[in-house]
Amino acid sequence: MLGAGTGDEIDQTECVIRMNNAPTRGFEEDVGSRTDVRVVSHTSVPLLVKNERYYFKQSANTTYVIWGPEKNMKQDGKGVTFNALLKLATKYLKANIYMVTRDKIQYCDNVFQNETGLNRMKTGAFLSTGFFSMILAMDMCDSISVYGMIDDNYCNRAHHRVVPYHYYEQKKISECKMYTFHQNKKFAGHRYITEKAIYAKWATRHKIQFKHPAWRL
């Protein structure tokens, strides 16, 4: 997204969904400044807590949707993620924080299996925050514009751009290296490339368009 210059275009859409701790401050020209919904993995909740005033006070109009395994979301005092969210909700009374239910997590697992023929748990795969975000977007939106996502064949092209996995982390692992690493990981890996092939299939049935880079469906 760096250099995309699509910030104004993104801000003019009806609903802006962002993922995990992706910031806007300092990147407004490229990614915009509005965040209506933020879908967050249980592993990224500590990153939000580190900068809680930015995410939960200055961004008070944002709705947070948190997903994670049942053990982390338990409400009996043993759920690490739930406990952290409860503290935030108590401290920032205007914050809108929701958890993805166990039934919805199972629904997403079933979607993955229906699309691939593979059982997510048996293959050692973890669904990505992007997967949950896309399913949420399809539930909420009549049309979807996706920014900053490469297609499933992008990394195989000879002259693809080498960019950081996150636009806000310049000196970390590159996007394609991250995708390849996770795709081949035997346990606890995100199947990013497989998921993108699924999104391409969905785009033939739903009003989904991919911008910067544009996809050839």
N, C-alpha and C. Protein backbone atom coordinates (compact mmCIF):
# COMPACT_ATOMS: atom_id res chain seq x y z
N MET A 1 0.81 -1.21 0.00
CA MET A 1 0.00 0.00 0.00
C MET A 1 0.85 1.26 0.00
N LEU A 2 2.11 1.15 0.34
CA LEU A 2 2.96 2.35 0.36
C LEU A 2 3.08 2.92 -1.04
N GLY A 3 2.75 4.20 -1.18
CA GLY A 3 2.79 4.84 -2.48
C GLY A 3 1.53 4.67 -3.28
N ALA A 4 0.53 3.99 -2.74
CA ALA A 4 -0.71 3.75 -3.48
C ALA A 4 -1.51 5.03 -3.67
N GLY A 5 -1.45 5.93 -2.70
CA GLY A 5 -2.19 7.19 -2.78
C GLY A 5 -3.70 7.01 -2.80
N THR A 6 -4.18 5.93 -2.17
CA THR A 6 -5.62 5.62 -2.22
C THR A 6 -6.34 6.00 -0.93
N GLY A 7 -5.71 6.79 -0.09
CA GLY A 7 -6.29 7.13 1.21
C GLY A 7 -7.66 7.79 1.11
N ASP A 8 -7.78 8.81 0.24
CA ASP A 8 -9.06 9.51 0.09
C ASP A 8 -10.14 8.57 -0.45
N GLU A 9 -9.75 7.73 -1.40
CA GLU A 9 -10.69 6.78 -1.99
C GLU A 9 -11.23 5.81 -0.94
N ILE A 10 -10.34 5.33 -0.09
CA ILE A 10 -10.74 4.41 0.98
C ILE A 10 -11.66 5.10 1.98
N ASP A 11 -11.31 6.32 2.36
CA ASP A 11 -12.10 7.05 3.35
C ASP A 11 -13.50 7.39 2.86
N GLN A 12 -13.69 7.43 1.55
CA GLN A 12 -15.00 7.78 0.99
C GLN A 12 -15.95 6.59 0.88
N THR A 13 -15.47 5.38 1.19
CA THR A 13 -16.35 4.22 1.14
C THR A 13 -17.27 4.21 2.36
N GLU A 14 -18.32 3.43 2.26
CA GLU A 14 -19.35 3.45 3.31
C GLU A 14 -18.87 2.84 4.62
N CYS A 15 -18.06 1.80 4.52
CA CYS A 15 -17.57 1.12 5.72
C CYS A 15 -16.14 0.66 5.47
N VAL A 16 -15.23 1.04 6.35
CA VAL A 16 -13.83 0.66 6.22
C VAL A 16 -13.49 -0.41 7.26
N ILE A 17 -13.07 -1.57 6.78
CA ILE A 17 -12.68 -2.67 7.66
C ILE A 17 -11.16 -2.82 7.60
N ARG A 18 -10.53 -2.81 8.76
CA ARG A 18 -9.08 -3.04 8.83
C ARG A 18 -8.82 -4.27 9.68
N MET A 19 -7.57 -4.74 9.63
CA MET A 19 -7.24 -5.96 10.34
C MET A 19 -6.14 -5.76 11.36
N ASN A 20 -6.28 -6.48 12.46
CA ASN A 20 -5.30 -6.52 13.54
C ASN A 20 -4.90 -5.12 13.98
N ASN A 21 -3.60 -4.84 14.08
CA ASN A 21 -3.16 -3.55 14.62
C ASN A 21 -2.71 -2.59 13.53
N ALA A 22 -3.11 -2.83 12.28
CA ALA A 22 -2.69 -1.97 11.17
C ALA A 22 -3.04 -0.51 11.47
N PRO A 23 -2.04 0.36 11.57
CA PRO A 23 -2.29 1.75 11.94
C PRO A 23 -2.64 2.61 10.72
N THR A 24 -3.25 3.74 10.98
CA THR A 24 -3.48 4.73 9.93
C THR A 24 -2.61 5.95 10.13
N ARG A 25 -2.29 6.27 11.37
CA ARG A 25 -1.52 7.47 11.68
C ARG A 25 -0.15 7.42 11.01
N GLY A 26 0.12 8.41 10.19
CA GLY A 26 1.38 8.47 9.45
C GLY A 26 1.29 7.83 8.07
N PHE A 27 0.18 7.14 7.79
CA PHE A 27 0.01 6.47 6.51
C PHE A 27 -1.29 6.89 5.82
N GLU A 28 -1.87 8.01 6.28
CA GLU A 28 -3.20 8.42 5.80
C GLU A 28 -3.27 8.58 4.28
N GLU A 29 -2.22 9.08 3.66
CA GLU A 29 -2.24 9.34 2.22
C GLU A 29 -2.45 8.05 1.43
N ASP A 30 -1.92 6.96 1.94
CA ASP A 30 -1.99 5.69 1.22
C ASP A 30 -3.14 4.79 1.67
N VAL A 31 -3.45 4.79 2.98
CA VAL A 31 -4.43 3.83 3.49
C VAL A 31 -5.67 4.48 4.10
N GLY A 32 -5.71 5.82 4.14
CA GLY A 32 -6.86 6.50 4.71
C GLY A 32 -6.75 6.65 6.21
N SER A 33 -7.76 7.25 6.81
CA SER A 33 -7.73 7.51 8.26
C SER A 33 -8.92 6.90 9.00
N ARG A 34 -9.97 6.54 8.27
CA ARG A 34 -11.17 5.99 8.92
C ARG A 34 -11.01 4.50 9.20
N THR A 35 -11.58 4.07 10.33
CA THR A 35 -11.69 2.65 10.62
C THR A 35 -13.04 2.43 11.28
N ASP A 36 -13.96 1.81 10.56
CA ASP A 36 -15.29 1.54 11.12
C ASP A 36 -15.32 0.21 11.87
N VAL A 37 -14.67 -0.79 11.30
CA VAL A 37 -14.61 -2.11 11.91
C VAL A 37 -13.16 -2.59 11.87
N ARG A 38 -12.70 -3.15 12.98
CA ARG A 38 -11.35 -3.71 13.01
C ARG A 38 -11.46 -5.16 13.48
N VAL A 39 -11.09 -6.09 12.59
CA VAL A 39 -11.11 -7.51 12.91
C VAL A 39 -9.73 -7.88 13.45
N VAL A 40 -9.71 -8.50 14.63
CA VAL A 40 -8.44 -8.69 15.35
C VAL A 40 -8.27 -10.14 15.80
N SER A 41 -7.11 -10.69 15.53
CA SER A 41 -6.75 -12.01 16.03
C SER A 41 -6.41 -11.94 17.51
N HIS A 42 -6.64 -13.04 18.22
CA HIS A 42 -6.27 -13.11 19.64
C HIS A 42 -4.78 -12.83 19.84
N THR A 43 -3.96 -13.17 18.85
CA THR A 43 -2.52 -12.93 18.98
C THR A 43 -2.16 -11.46 18.83
N SER A 44 -3.06 -10.66 18.25
CA SER A 44 -2.79 -9.24 18.06
C SER A 44 -3.38 -8.36 19.15
N VAL A 45 -4.21 -8.96 20.02
CA VAL A 45 -4.80 -8.18 21.11
C VAL A 45 -3.72 -7.53 21.99
N PRO A 46 -2.63 -8.24 22.35
CA PRO A 46 -1.58 -7.59 23.15
C PRO A 46 -0.97 -6.37 22.45
N LEU A 47 -0.93 -6.38 21.11
CA LEU A 47 -0.39 -5.24 20.36
C LEU A 47 -1.32 -4.03 20.49
N LEU A 48 -2.61 -4.28 20.56
CA LEU A 48 -3.57 -3.20 20.77
C LEU A 48 -3.47 -2.66 22.18
N VAL A 49 -3.27 -3.57 23.14
CA VAL A 49 -3.15 -3.16 24.54
C VAL A 49 -1.93 -2.25 24.75
N LYS A 50 -0.84 -2.55 24.00
CA LYS A 50 0.37 -1.72 24.13
C LYS A 50 0.11 -0.27 23.77
N ASN A 51 -0.82 -0.04 22.88
CA ASN A 51 -1.14 1.32 22.42
C ASN A 51 -2.64 1.55 22.58
N GLU A 52 -3.15 1.22 23.76
CA GLU A 52 -4.59 1.18 23.97
C GLU A 52 -5.28 2.52 23.81
N ARG A 53 -4.61 3.61 24.15
CA ARG A 53 -5.24 4.93 24.02
C ARG A 53 -5.51 5.26 22.55
N TYR A 54 -4.58 4.88 21.68
CA TYR A 54 -4.75 5.13 20.24
C TYR A 54 -5.92 4.32 19.69
N TYR A 55 -6.00 3.05 20.09
CA TYR A 55 -7.02 2.18 19.51
C TYR A 55 -8.39 2.32 20.17
N PHE A 56 -8.44 2.56 21.47
CA PHE A 56 -9.73 2.50 22.17
C PHE A 56 -10.24 3.84 22.69
N LYS A 57 -9.38 4.85 22.71
CA LYS A 57 -9.85 6.18 23.12
C LYS A 57 -9.93 7.12 21.93
N GLN A 58 -8.81 7.23 21.20
CA GLN A 58 -8.80 8.12 20.04
C GLN A 58 -9.66 7.55 18.90
N SER A 59 -9.80 6.24 18.85
CA SER A 59 -10.61 5.60 17.80
C SER A 59 -11.89 5.05 18.41
N ALA A 60 -12.58 5.87 19.17
CA ALA A 60 -13.75 5.42 19.92
C ALA A 60 -14.91 4.99 19.03
N ASN A 61 -14.93 5.43 17.78
CA ASN A 61 -16.03 5.08 16.88
C ASN A 61 -15.83 3.74 16.18
N THR A 62 -14.71 3.10 16.42
CA THR A 62 -14.42 1.82 15.77
C THR A 62 -15.07 0.67 16.52
N THR A 63 -15.63 -0.28 15.77
CA THR A 63 -16.15 -1.52 16.34
C THR A 63 -15.09 -2.60 16.19
N TYR A 64 -14.77 -3.28 17.28
CA TYR A 64 -13.74 -4.32 17.28
C TYR A 64 -14.39 -5.69 17.30
N VAL A 65 -13.94 -6.55 16.39
CA VAL A 65 -14.41 -7.93 16.33
C VAL A 65 -13.20 -8.83 16.54
N ILE A 66 -13.19 -9.55 17.66
CA ILE A 66 -12.02 -10.34 18.06
C ILE A 66 -12.31 -11.81 17.86
N TRP A 67 -11.37 -12.51 17.23
CA TRP A 67 -11.51 -13.95 17.07
C TRP A 67 -10.36 -14.68 17.73
N GLY A 68 -10.61 -15.91 18.16
CA GLY A 68 -9.56 -16.70 18.78
C GLY A 68 -10.07 -18.07 19.19
N PRO A 69 -9.16 -18.98 19.54
CA PRO A 69 -9.58 -20.33 19.96
C PRO A 69 -10.36 -20.26 21.27
N GLU A 70 -11.19 -21.27 21.49
CA GLU A 70 -12.07 -21.27 22.65
C GLU A 70 -11.32 -21.12 23.97
N LYS A 71 -10.15 -21.75 24.09
CA LYS A 71 -9.40 -21.69 25.35
C LYS A 71 -9.00 -20.26 25.70
N ASN A 72 -8.77 -19.43 24.70
CA ASN A 72 -8.39 -18.03 24.94
C ASN A 72 -9.58 -17.14 25.22
N MET A 73 -10.77 -17.59 24.81
CA MET A 73 -11.96 -16.75 24.91
C MET A 73 -12.87 -17.16 26.07
N LYS A 74 -12.44 -18.12 26.88
CA LYS A 74 -13.25 -18.58 28.00
C LYS A 74 -13.58 -17.43 28.94
N GLN A 75 -14.79 -17.46 29.49
CA GLN A 75 -15.25 -16.40 30.37
C GLN A 75 -15.26 -16.84 31.84
N ASP A 76 -14.47 -17.87 32.14
CA ASP A 76 -14.41 -18.40 33.51
C ASP A 76 -13.19 -17.92 34.27
N GLY A 77 -12.54 -16.89 33.73
CA GLY A 77 -11.33 -16.37 34.38
C GLY A 77 -10.06 -16.95 33.82
N LYS A 78 -10.17 -17.98 32.99
CA LYS A 78 -8.98 -18.64 32.43
C LYS A 78 -8.71 -18.24 30.98
N GLY A 79 -9.62 -17.48 30.38
CA GLY A 79 -9.44 -17.05 29.00
C GLY A 79 -8.57 -15.81 28.92
N VAL A 80 -7.34 -15.97 28.48
CA VAL A 80 -6.37 -14.86 28.49
C VAL A 80 -6.86 -13.69 27.63
N THR A 81 -7.34 -13.99 26.45
CA THR A 81 -7.80 -12.93 25.56
C THR A 81 -9.06 -12.26 26.10
N PHE A 82 -10.01 -13.08 26.58
CA PHE A 82 -11.24 -12.50 27.13
C PHE A 82 -10.93 -11.60 28.32
N ASN A 83 -10.02 -12.01 29.19
CA ASN A 83 -9.66 -11.20 30.35
C ASN A 83 -9.08 -9.85 29.94
N ALA A 84 -8.25 -9.85 28.90
CA ALA A 84 -7.66 -8.60 28.41
C ALA A 84 -8.73 -7.69 27.83
N LEU A 85 -9.68 -8.28 27.10
CA LEU A 85 -10.76 -7.49 26.51
C LEU A 85 -11.69 -6.93 27.58
N LEU A 86 -11.92 -7.72 28.62
CA LEU A 86 -12.78 -7.27 29.72
C LEU A 86 -12.18 -6.05 30.41
N LYS A 87 -10.87 -6.06 30.60
CA LYS A 87 -10.19 -4.91 31.20
C LYS A 87 -10.34 -3.67 30.33
N LEU A 88 -10.18 -3.85 29.03
CA LEU A 88 -10.31 -2.73 28.10
C LEU A 88 -11.74 -2.18 28.11
N ALA A 89 -12.72 -3.09 28.10
CA ALA A 89 -14.12 -2.66 28.08
C ALA A 89 -14.50 -1.93 29.37
N THR A 90 -13.88 -2.32 30.47
CA THR A 90 -14.14 -1.66 31.76
C THR A 90 -13.49 -0.29 31.80
N LYS A 91 -12.33 -0.19 31.18
CA LYS A 91 -11.57 1.08 31.19
C LYS A 91 -12.11 2.07 30.17
N TYR A 92 -12.47 1.58 29.00
CA TYR A 92 -12.97 2.44 27.92
C TYR A 92 -14.44 2.09 27.67
N LEU A 93 -15.30 2.75 28.40
CA LEU A 93 -16.72 2.39 28.43
C LEU A 93 -17.41 2.60 27.09
N LYS A 94 -16.87 3.47 26.23
CA LYS A 94 -17.48 3.72 24.93
C LYS A 94 -16.98 2.77 23.84
N ALA A 95 -16.04 1.92 24.19
CA ALA A 95 -15.47 1.00 23.20
C ALA A 95 -16.49 -0.08 22.82
N ASN A 96 -16.60 -0.35 21.53
CA ASN A 96 -17.48 -1.39 21.02
C ASN A 96 -16.65 -2.63 20.70
N ILE A 97 -16.69 -3.62 21.58
CA ILE A 97 -15.85 -4.80 21.44
C ILE A 97 -16.73 -6.05 21.41
N TYR A 98 -16.56 -6.86 20.36
CA TYR A 98 -17.32 -8.09 20.21
C TYR A 98 -16.37 -9.26 20.00
N MET A 99 -16.81 -10.44 20.42
CA MET A 99 -16.04 -11.65 20.18
C MET A 99 -16.77 -12.53 19.17
N VAL A 100 -16.02 -13.15 18.28
CA VAL A 100 -16.59 -14.12 17.35
C VAL A 100 -16.99 -15.36 18.15
N THR A 101 -18.23 -15.81 18.00
CA THR A 101 -18.71 -16.94 18.78
C THR A 101 -18.08 -18.25 18.30
N ARG A 102 -18.18 -19.25 19.16
CA ARG A 102 -17.64 -20.57 18.80
C ARG A 102 -18.36 -21.11 17.56
N ASP A 103 -19.67 -20.88 17.48
CA ASP A 103 -20.42 -21.35 16.31
C ASP A 103 -19.94 -20.69 15.02
N LYS A 104 -19.62 -19.41 15.10
CA LYS A 104 -19.14 -18.71 13.90
C LYS A 104 -17.74 -19.18 13.52
N ILE A 105 -16.90 -19.47 14.52
CA ILE A 105 -15.58 -20.04 14.23
C ILE A 105 -15.75 -21.37 13.50
N GLN A 106 -16.66 -22.21 13.98
CA GLN A 106 -16.92 -23.50 13.34
C GLN A 106 -17.46 -23.30 11.93
N TYR A 107 -18.31 -22.29 11.77
CA TYR A 107 -18.84 -21.99 10.44
C TYR A 107 -17.69 -21.67 9.47
N CYS A 108 -16.74 -20.86 9.92
CA CYS A 108 -15.60 -20.49 9.07
C CYS A 108 -14.74 -21.71 8.74
N ASP A 109 -14.58 -22.61 9.72
CA ASP A 109 -13.87 -23.87 9.46
C ASP A 109 -14.58 -24.68 8.38
N ASN A 110 -15.91 -24.71 8.48
CA ASN A 110 -16.69 -25.47 7.49
C ASN A 110 -16.59 -24.86 6.10
N VAL A 111 -16.55 -23.52 6.04
CA VAL A 111 -16.38 -22.85 4.75
C VAL A 111 -15.05 -23.25 4.13
N PHE A 112 -13.99 -23.23 4.93
CA PHE A 112 -12.66 -23.61 4.44
C PHE A 112 -12.68 -25.05 3.91
N GLN A 113 -13.33 -25.96 4.66
CA GLN A 113 -13.38 -27.35 4.24
C GLN A 113 -14.22 -27.53 2.98
N ASN A 114 -15.33 -26.81 2.90
CA ASN A 114 -16.18 -26.92 1.71
C ASN A 114 -15.47 -26.43 0.46
N GLU A 115 -14.63 -25.39 0.62
CA GLU A 115 -13.93 -24.82 -0.53
C GLU A 115 -12.71 -25.63 -0.96
N THR A 116 -12.08 -26.31 0.00
CA THR A 116 -10.81 -26.99 -0.29
C THR A 116 -10.90 -28.51 -0.25
N GLY A 117 -11.94 -29.04 0.42
CA GLY A 117 -12.01 -30.48 0.63
C GLY A 117 -11.11 -30.95 1.75
N LEU A 118 -10.50 -30.01 2.49
CA LEU A 118 -9.54 -30.33 3.54
C LEU A 118 -10.07 -29.90 4.90
N ASN A 119 -9.88 -30.75 5.89
CA ASN A 119 -10.22 -30.39 7.26
C ASN A 119 -9.13 -29.49 7.81
N ARG A 120 -9.50 -28.31 8.26
CA ARG A 120 -8.50 -27.32 8.69
C ARG A 120 -7.61 -27.88 9.79
N MET A 121 -8.21 -28.48 10.82
CA MET A 121 -7.44 -28.93 11.98
C MET A 121 -6.53 -30.11 11.62
N LYS A 122 -7.04 -31.03 10.79
CA LYS A 122 -6.25 -32.21 10.42
C LYS A 122 -5.05 -31.82 9.56
N THR A 123 -5.14 -30.72 8.84
CA THR A 123 -4.03 -30.28 8.00
C THR A 123 -3.09 -29.32 8.73
N GLY A 124 -3.39 -29.02 10.00
CA GLY A 124 -2.53 -28.14 10.78
C GLY A 124 -2.61 -26.68 10.39
N ALA A 125 -3.76 -26.30 9.79
CA ALA A 125 -3.90 -24.92 9.32
C ALA A 125 -4.64 -24.06 10.33
N PHE A 126 -4.24 -22.81 10.42
CA PHE A 126 -4.96 -21.79 11.18
C PHE A 126 -5.53 -20.80 10.18
N LEU A 127 -6.81 -20.52 10.26
CA LEU A 127 -7.39 -19.50 9.39
C LEU A 127 -6.78 -18.14 9.73
N SER A 128 -6.63 -17.32 8.72
CA SER A 128 -6.03 -15.99 8.93
C SER A 128 -7.11 -14.98 9.31
N THR A 129 -6.68 -13.85 9.85
CA THR A 129 -7.61 -12.77 10.14
C THR A 129 -8.27 -12.29 8.85
N GLY A 130 -7.54 -12.36 7.75
CA GLY A 130 -8.11 -11.99 6.46
C GLY A 130 -9.29 -12.86 6.09
N PHE A 131 -9.23 -14.14 6.41
CA PHE A 131 -10.31 -15.06 6.08
C PHE A 131 -11.58 -14.69 6.86
N PHE A 132 -11.41 -14.44 8.16
CA PHE A 132 -12.55 -14.01 8.98
C PHE A 132 -13.10 -12.68 8.49
N SER A 133 -12.20 -11.78 8.09
CA SER A 133 -12.62 -10.45 7.62
C SER A 133 -13.42 -10.55 6.33
N MET A 134 -12.99 -11.41 5.41
CA MET A 134 -13.70 -11.56 4.15
C MET A 134 -15.09 -12.15 4.35
N ILE A 135 -15.20 -13.14 5.26
CA ILE A 135 -16.50 -13.73 5.53
C ILE A 135 -17.41 -12.70 6.21
N LEU A 136 -16.86 -11.92 7.14
CA LEU A 136 -17.64 -10.87 7.78
C LEU A 136 -18.10 -9.84 6.75
N ALA A 137 -17.21 -9.46 5.86
CA ALA A 137 -17.54 -8.47 4.83
C ALA A 137 -18.66 -8.98 3.93
N MET A 138 -18.61 -10.28 3.57
CA MET A 138 -19.65 -10.83 2.71
C MET A 138 -20.99 -10.89 3.43
N ASP A 139 -20.96 -11.06 4.75
CA ASP A 139 -22.20 -11.03 5.54
C ASP A 139 -22.78 -9.62 5.62
N MET A 140 -21.88 -8.61 5.66
CA MET A 140 -22.30 -7.23 5.92
C MET A 140 -22.58 -6.42 4.66
N CYS A 141 -21.83 -6.68 3.60
CA CYS A 141 -21.73 -5.71 2.50
C CYS A 141 -22.34 -6.22 1.20
N ASP A 142 -22.92 -5.31 0.44
CA ASP A 142 -23.43 -5.63 -0.89
C ASP A 142 -22.28 -5.76 -1.89
N SER A 143 -21.24 -4.96 -1.70
CA SER A 143 -20.05 -5.04 -2.56
C SER A 143 -18.82 -4.79 -1.70
N ILE A 144 -17.69 -5.34 -2.14
CA ILE A 144 -16.46 -5.29 -1.35
C ILE A 144 -15.31 -4.84 -2.25
N SER A 145 -14.53 -3.89 -1.77
CA SER A 145 -13.29 -3.49 -2.43
C SER A 145 -12.14 -3.84 -1.49
N VAL A 146 -11.20 -4.64 -1.98
CA VAL A 146 -10.08 -5.11 -1.17
C VAL A 146 -8.81 -4.39 -1.62
N TYR A 147 -8.12 -3.77 -0.67
CA TYR A 147 -6.91 -3.02 -0.98
C TYR A 147 -5.67 -3.71 -0.40
N GLY A 148 -4.61 -3.74 -1.20
CA GLY A 148 -3.32 -4.20 -0.71
C GLY A 148 -3.19 -5.71 -0.58
N MET A 149 -3.99 -6.48 -1.31
CA MET A 149 -3.90 -7.94 -1.22
C MET A 149 -3.47 -8.50 -2.58
N ILE A 150 -2.44 -9.34 -2.57
CA ILE A 150 -1.98 -9.98 -3.80
C ILE A 150 -2.76 -11.25 -4.07
N ASP A 151 -2.78 -11.69 -5.34
CA ASP A 151 -3.49 -12.92 -5.68
C ASP A 151 -2.61 -14.14 -5.41
N ASP A 152 -3.18 -15.32 -5.59
CA ASP A 152 -2.49 -16.55 -5.19
C ASP A 152 -1.29 -16.89 -6.06
N ASN A 153 -1.19 -16.30 -7.27
CA ASN A 153 -0.06 -16.59 -8.16
C ASN A 153 1.00 -15.48 -8.19
N TYR A 154 0.75 -14.43 -7.46
CA TYR A 154 1.61 -13.24 -7.54
C TYR A 154 3.08 -13.58 -7.27
N CYS A 155 3.33 -14.35 -6.23
CA CYS A 155 4.72 -14.62 -5.83
C CYS A 155 5.46 -15.52 -6.80
N ASN A 156 4.73 -16.18 -7.70
CA ASN A 156 5.37 -17.04 -8.70
C ASN A 156 5.79 -16.28 -9.96
N ARG A 157 5.35 -15.04 -10.06
CA ARG A 157 5.69 -14.26 -11.25
C ARG A 157 7.12 -13.75 -11.14
N ALA A 158 7.80 -13.77 -12.26
CA ALA A 158 9.24 -13.48 -12.28
C ALA A 158 9.57 -12.07 -11.79
N HIS A 159 8.73 -11.11 -12.10
CA HIS A 159 9.07 -9.72 -11.79
C HIS A 159 8.14 -9.11 -10.74
N HIS A 160 7.71 -9.93 -9.80
CA HIS A 160 6.83 -9.39 -8.75
C HIS A 160 7.62 -8.47 -7.82
N ARG A 161 6.93 -7.51 -7.26
CA ARG A 161 7.56 -6.56 -6.34
C ARG A 161 7.84 -7.23 -5.01
N VAL A 162 9.00 -6.91 -4.44
CA VAL A 162 9.35 -7.41 -3.12
C VAL A 162 9.02 -6.30 -2.11
N VAL A 163 8.02 -6.56 -1.28
CA VAL A 163 7.56 -5.55 -0.32
C VAL A 163 7.43 -6.20 1.05
N PRO A 164 7.42 -5.40 2.13
CA PRO A 164 7.25 -5.96 3.47
C PRO A 164 5.88 -6.60 3.63
N TYR A 165 5.79 -7.58 4.49
CA TYR A 165 4.51 -8.23 4.77
C TYR A 165 3.49 -7.22 5.30
N HIS A 166 3.94 -6.32 6.18
CA HIS A 166 3.09 -5.22 6.68
C HIS A 166 3.64 -3.89 6.16
N TYR A 167 2.78 -3.02 5.68
CA TYR A 167 3.23 -1.72 5.17
C TYR A 167 3.85 -0.87 6.27
N TYR A 168 3.53 -1.15 7.51
CA TYR A 168 4.01 -0.35 8.64
C TYR A 168 5.21 -0.98 9.35
N GLU A 169 5.76 -2.07 8.78
CA GLU A 169 6.95 -2.71 9.34
C GLU A 169 7.96 -2.91 8.22
N GLN A 170 8.76 -1.90 7.98
CA GLN A 170 9.60 -1.87 6.78
C GLN A 170 10.78 -2.85 6.81
N LYS A 171 11.27 -3.20 7.98
CA LYS A 171 12.48 -4.00 8.05
C LYS A 171 12.20 -5.44 8.46
N LYS A 172 10.95 -5.86 8.31
CA LYS A 172 10.58 -7.23 8.67
C LYS A 172 10.53 -8.11 7.42
N ILE A 173 10.06 -9.33 7.57
CA ILE A 173 10.02 -10.31 6.48
C ILE A 173 9.18 -9.81 5.32
N SER A 174 9.57 -10.22 4.10
CA SER A 174 8.82 -9.81 2.92
C SER A 174 7.51 -10.58 2.81
N GLU A 175 6.59 -10.01 2.05
CA GLU A 175 5.26 -10.59 1.90
C GLU A 175 5.31 -12.02 1.36
N CYS A 176 6.01 -12.21 0.26
CA CYS A 176 6.03 -13.53 -0.38
C CYS A 176 6.75 -14.57 0.47
N LYS A 177 7.80 -14.17 1.17
CA LYS A 177 8.48 -15.11 2.06
C LYS A 177 7.56 -15.55 3.19
N MET A 178 6.78 -14.61 3.71
CA MET A 178 5.83 -14.94 4.78
C MET A 178 4.77 -15.93 4.27
N TYR A 179 4.24 -15.67 3.07
CA TYR A 179 3.20 -16.54 2.52
C TYR A 179 3.74 -17.94 2.26
N THR A 180 4.92 -18.03 1.67
CA THR A 180 5.51 -19.33 1.36
C THR A 180 5.83 -20.12 2.62
N PHE A 181 6.36 -19.43 3.62
CA PHE A 181 6.68 -20.07 4.90
C PHE A 181 5.44 -20.69 5.52
N HIS A 182 4.36 -19.92 5.59
CA HIS A 182 3.14 -20.41 6.22
C HIS A 182 2.45 -21.48 5.38
N GLN A 183 2.48 -21.34 4.07
CA GLN A 183 1.81 -22.31 3.21
C GLN A 183 2.41 -23.70 3.39
N ASN A 184 3.71 -23.76 3.65
CA ASN A 184 4.42 -25.04 3.76
C ASN A 184 4.62 -25.50 5.20
N LYS A 185 4.16 -24.71 6.15
CA LYS A 185 4.32 -25.07 7.56
C LYS A 185 3.37 -26.21 7.91
N LYS A 186 3.87 -27.26 8.55
CA LYS A 186 3.06 -28.44 8.79
C LYS A 186 2.04 -28.24 9.91
N PHE A 187 2.35 -27.36 10.86
CA PHE A 187 1.42 -27.13 11.96
C PHE A 187 1.34 -25.65 12.28
N ALA A 188 0.13 -25.19 12.57
CA ALA A 188 -0.12 -23.81 12.98
C ALA A 188 0.29 -22.80 11.92
N GLY A 189 0.11 -23.16 10.67
CA GLY A 189 0.42 -22.24 9.58
C GLY A 189 -0.83 -21.68 8.95
N HIS A 190 -0.78 -20.41 8.57
CA HIS A 190 -1.87 -19.81 7.81
C HIS A 190 -1.70 -20.21 6.34
N ARG A 191 -2.74 -20.67 5.70
CA ARG A 191 -2.67 -21.05 4.29
C ARG A 191 -3.06 -19.84 3.43
N TYR A 192 -2.20 -18.82 3.50
CA TYR A 192 -2.51 -17.56 2.81
C TYR A 192 -2.79 -17.75 1.32
N ILE A 193 -1.95 -18.54 0.67
CA ILE A 193 -2.07 -18.70 -0.79
C ILE A 193 -3.36 -19.45 -1.13
N THR A 194 -3.67 -20.49 -0.36
CA THR A 194 -4.92 -21.22 -0.56
C THR A 194 -6.12 -20.29 -0.34
N GLU A 195 -6.06 -19.49 0.71
CA GLU A 195 -7.16 -18.57 1.00
C GLU A 195 -7.38 -17.59 -0.15
N LYS A 196 -6.31 -17.12 -0.74
CA LYS A 196 -6.45 -16.16 -1.85
C LYS A 196 -7.08 -16.82 -3.08
N ALA A 197 -6.80 -18.09 -3.29
CA ALA A 197 -7.47 -18.81 -4.37
C ALA A 197 -8.97 -18.92 -4.10
N ILE A 198 -9.32 -19.06 -2.82
CA ILE A 198 -10.73 -19.10 -2.44
C ILE A 198 -11.39 -17.75 -2.70
N TYR A 199 -10.70 -16.66 -2.34
CA TYR A 199 -11.26 -15.32 -2.57
C TYR A 199 -11.51 -15.09 -4.07
N ALA A 200 -10.59 -15.57 -4.89
CA ALA A 200 -10.75 -15.40 -6.34
C ALA A 200 -12.01 -16.12 -6.82
N LYS A 201 -12.27 -17.29 -6.25
CA LYS A 201 -13.49 -18.03 -6.60
C LYS A 201 -14.73 -17.26 -6.14
N TRP A 202 -14.67 -16.71 -4.92
CA TRP A 202 -15.80 -15.94 -4.40
C TRP A 202 -16.09 -14.72 -5.28
N ALA A 203 -15.03 -14.13 -5.81
CA ALA A 203 -15.20 -12.91 -6.62
C ALA A 203 -15.94 -13.17 -7.92
N THR A 204 -16.04 -14.43 -8.32
CA THR A 204 -16.83 -14.75 -9.51
C THR A 204 -18.32 -14.86 -9.19
N ARG A 205 -18.63 -14.93 -7.89
CA ARG A 205 -20.03 -15.08 -7.48
C ARG A 205 -20.56 -13.86 -6.71
N HIS A 206 -19.67 -13.06 -6.19
CA HIS A 206 -20.05 -11.89 -5.39
C HIS A 206 -19.41 -10.64 -5.99
N LYS A 207 -19.89 -9.48 -5.58
CA LYS A 207 -19.32 -8.22 -6.05
C LYS A 207 -18.08 -7.90 -5.21
N ILE A 208 -16.98 -8.52 -5.58
CA ILE A 208 -15.69 -8.29 -4.91
C ILE A 208 -14.69 -7.84 -5.95
N GLN A 209 -14.04 -6.71 -5.70
CA GLN A 209 -12.97 -6.27 -6.59
C GLN A 209 -11.70 -6.02 -5.77
N PHE A 210 -10.58 -6.32 -6.39
CA PHE A 210 -9.28 -6.22 -5.72
C PHE A 210 -8.52 -5.05 -6.33
N LYS A 211 -8.09 -4.13 -5.48
CA LYS A 211 -7.41 -2.91 -5.94
C LYS A 211 -5.99 -2.84 -5.36
N HIS A 212 -5.10 -2.40 -6.19
CA HIS A 212 -3.71 -2.12 -5.79
C HIS A 212 -3.10 -3.26 -4.97
N PRO A 213 -2.73 -4.38 -5.60
CA PRO A 213 -2.80 -4.59 -7.05
C PRO A 213 -4.15 -5.16 -7.50
N ALA A 214 -4.51 -4.86 -8.75
CA ALA A 214 -5.72 -5.42 -9.33
C ALA A 214 -5.50 -6.88 -9.69
N TRP A 215 -6.53 -7.69 -9.53
CA TRP A 215 -6.43 -9.11 -9.85
C TRP A 215 -6.99 -9.39 -11.23
N ARG A 216 -6.37 -10.33 -11.94
CA ARG A 216 -6.93 -10.82 -13.19
C ARG A 216 -7.67 -12.12 -12.86
N LEU A 217 -8.96 -12.04 -12.77
CA LEU A 217 -9.76 -13.19 -12.35
C LEU A 217 -10.02 -14.13 -13.52
